[in-house]
Protein backbone atom coordinates (compact mmCIF):
# COMPACT_ATOMS: atom_id res chain seq x y z
CA MET A 1 0.00 0.00 0.00
CA ILE A 2 1.31 3.43 -0.93
CA ASP A 3 1.44 6.07 1.78
CA PRO A 4 -1.23 8.70 0.92
CA LYS A 5 1.43 11.47 1.25
CA ILE A 6 3.27 9.93 -1.71
CA LEU A 7 0.17 10.12 -3.94
CA SER A 8 0.34 13.94 -3.98
CA LYS A 9 3.89 13.94 -5.34
CA LYS A 10 4.66 15.44 -8.75
CA VAL A 11 5.61 12.71 -11.24
CA LEU A 12 7.49 12.87 -14.55
CA ILE A 13 7.33 10.06 -17.14
CA LEU A 14 9.85 9.84 -20.01
CA ASP A 15 9.29 7.41 -22.86
CA ASP A 16 9.33 7.82 -26.62
CA MET A 17 6.38 5.42 -26.99
CA SER A 18 3.01 7.00 -26.23
CA THR A 19 1.51 3.59 -25.43
CA ILE A 20 4.02 3.09 -22.62
CA ARG A 21 3.47 6.62 -21.30
CA ASP A 22 -0.29 6.03 -21.40
CA ALA A 23 0.07 2.68 -19.60
CA LEU A 24 2.20 4.26 -16.87
CA ILE A 25 -0.21 7.16 -16.48
CA ALA A 26 -3.13 4.73 -16.21
CA ALA A 27 -1.26 2.65 -13.61
CA LEU A 28 -0.35 5.75 -11.59
CA LYS A 29 -3.89 7.15 -11.75
CA SER A 30 -5.30 3.80 -10.63
CA LEU A 31 -3.05 4.09 -7.56
CA GLY A 32 -4.26 7.64 -6.85
CA PHE A 33 -1.58 9.88 -8.40
CA THR A 34 -2.95 13.02 -10.08
CA ASN A 35 0.03 15.33 -10.74
CA ILE A 36 1.68 13.62 -13.73
CA ALA A 37 3.73 15.18 -16.54
CA GLN A 38 5.29 13.42 -19.52
CA ALA A 39 8.13 13.83 -21.99
CA VAL A 40 8.99 12.03 -25.24
CA ASP A 41 12.74 11.77 -24.61
CA GLY A 42 15.51 12.66 -22.20
CA LYS A 43 16.06 16.09 -23.77
CA GLN A 44 12.45 17.15 -23.25
CA GLY A 45 12.40 15.51 -19.81
CA TYR A 46 15.49 17.41 -18.72
CA GLU A 47 14.04 20.70 -20.00
CA LYS A 48 10.80 20.13 -18.05
CA ALA A 49 12.67 19.07 -14.92
CA ASN A 50 15.02 22.06 -15.12
CA GLU A 51 12.10 24.49 -15.59
CA CYS A 52 10.41 23.18 -12.42
CA ALA A 53 13.51 22.69 -10.26
CA GLY A 54 13.33 26.04 -8.49
CA SER A 55 9.62 26.30 -7.78
CA ALA A 56 7.83 22.95 -7.93
CA PRO A 57 10.30 20.14 -8.64
CA PHE A 58 9.32 16.65 -9.67
CA GLU A 59 9.38 14.18 -6.79
CA LEU A 60 9.29 10.87 -8.69
CA VAL A 61 10.51 10.00 -12.20
CA PHE A 62 9.93 7.03 -14.50
CA SER A 63 12.29 6.86 -17.47
CA ASP A 64 12.86 4.56 -20.41
CA ILE A 65 16.47 3.95 -21.39
CA ASN A 66 16.28 3.70 -25.19
CA MET A 67 14.98 7.04 -26.48
CA PRO A 68 16.05 9.34 -29.32
CA ASN A 69 17.86 12.68 -28.79
CA CYS A 70 18.90 11.89 -25.21
CA ASN A 71 18.57 8.39 -23.75
CA GLY A 72 17.48 7.61 -20.20
CA ILE A 73 20.98 7.18 -18.81
CA GLU A 74 22.15 10.51 -20.30
CA PHE A 75 18.98 12.12 -18.91
CA LEU A 76 19.67 10.61 -15.49
CA ARG A 77 23.22 11.97 -15.39
CA GLN A 78 22.00 15.47 -16.32
CA PHE A 79 19.01 15.23 -13.94
CA ARG A 80 21.21 14.24 -10.98
CA GLY A 81 23.34 17.31 -11.73
CA ILE A 82 20.47 19.60 -10.71
CA ALA A 83 20.62 20.23 -6.95
CA ALA A 84 16.85 19.75 -6.46
CA TYR A 85 17.04 16.25 -7.96
CA LYS A 86 20.05 14.70 -6.21
CA THR A 87 17.88 12.31 -4.15
CA ILE A 88 14.58 12.16 -6.08
CA PRO A 89 13.57 8.54 -6.82
CA VAL A 90 14.08 7.60 -10.48
CA ILE A 91 12.68 4.27 -11.67
CA MET A 92 13.94 3.02 -15.02
CA VAL A 93 11.15 1.33 -17.02
CA THR A 94 12.65 -0.45 -20.00
CA SER A 95 13.01 -3.61 -22.03
CA GLU A 96 16.80 -3.49 -21.51
CA ASN A 97 17.78 -6.46 -19.37
CA GLU A 98 21.52 -6.64 -20.02
CA LEU A 99 23.47 -6.58 -16.75
CA HIS A 100 25.91 -3.92 -17.98
CA THR A 101 23.00 -1.61 -18.90
CA ILE A 102 21.34 -2.10 -15.51
CA LEU A 103 24.65 -1.38 -13.77
CA GLU A 104 25.20 1.71 -15.91
CA ALA A 105 21.73 3.00 -14.94
CA VAL A 106 22.40 2.35 -11.25
CA GLU A 107 25.79 4.09 -11.48
CA ALA A 108 24.10 7.07 -13.14
CA GLY A 109 21.69 7.32 -10.20
CA ALA A 110 18.70 5.05 -10.89
CA SER A 111 16.80 4.14 -7.74
CA SER A 112 15.15 1.03 -9.18
CA TYR A 113 14.37 -0.81 -12.40
CA VAL A 114 11.19 -2.25 -13.98
CA LEU A 115 11.17 -4.44 -17.06
CA LYS A 116 8.52 -3.98 -19.76
CA PRO A 117 5.86 -5.19 -19.90
CA PHE A 118 4.82 -4.18 -16.39
CA THR A 119 1.68 -4.34 -14.31
CA PRO A 120 0.18 -1.70 -12.02
CA LYS A 121 1.10 -3.99 -9.10
CA THR A 122 4.76 -3.96 -10.18
CA ILE A 123 4.71 -0.16 -10.44
CA GLU A 124 3.12 0.09 -6.99
CA ALA A 125 5.73 -2.24 -5.47
CA LYS A 126 8.60 -0.23 -6.98
CA ILE A 127 7.16 3.06 -5.72
CA VAL A 128 6.88 1.64 -2.20
CA GLU A 129 10.44 0.27 -2.50
CA VAL A 130 12.05 3.55 -3.61
CA PHE A 131 10.28 5.66 -1.01
CA ASN A 132 11.16 3.17 1.73
CA LYS A 133 14.81 3.42 0.60
CA LYS A 134 14.59 7.21 0.51
CA SER A 135 13.16 7.40 4.05
CA ALA A 136 15.98 5.07 5.16
CA GLY A 137 18.50 7.53 3.69
CA GLN A 138 19.49 5.53 0.61
CA LYS A 139 19.50 6.76 -3.00
């Protein structure tokens, strides 16, 4: 069960496939999230995150890895460079299951990892996991 305080958090979804963004939005809405923004790639995601960093930063991010213009790992490195986002949970949602790619995402600052296809239950479990880690003082 997700803590009701988490449901009010501002969420950003990055994926170049609208069907995946729509599926994530539907899963998040079914859990009770309402403040959800989306981007089609890491470049657009970074621009949105940077715009909001000073006033109303995102508090949870879901990002694909394979995207045009700026992939998820490049986005993550740039995102973690913004002071407001040093400890924000970032969950990678991707079909990449190669160990070296997973390790690269973790080294860049990913908080957790979900393989496509996913279920709303999987998304819920990962959200609970990353916020439990965050409250315990982990990345």
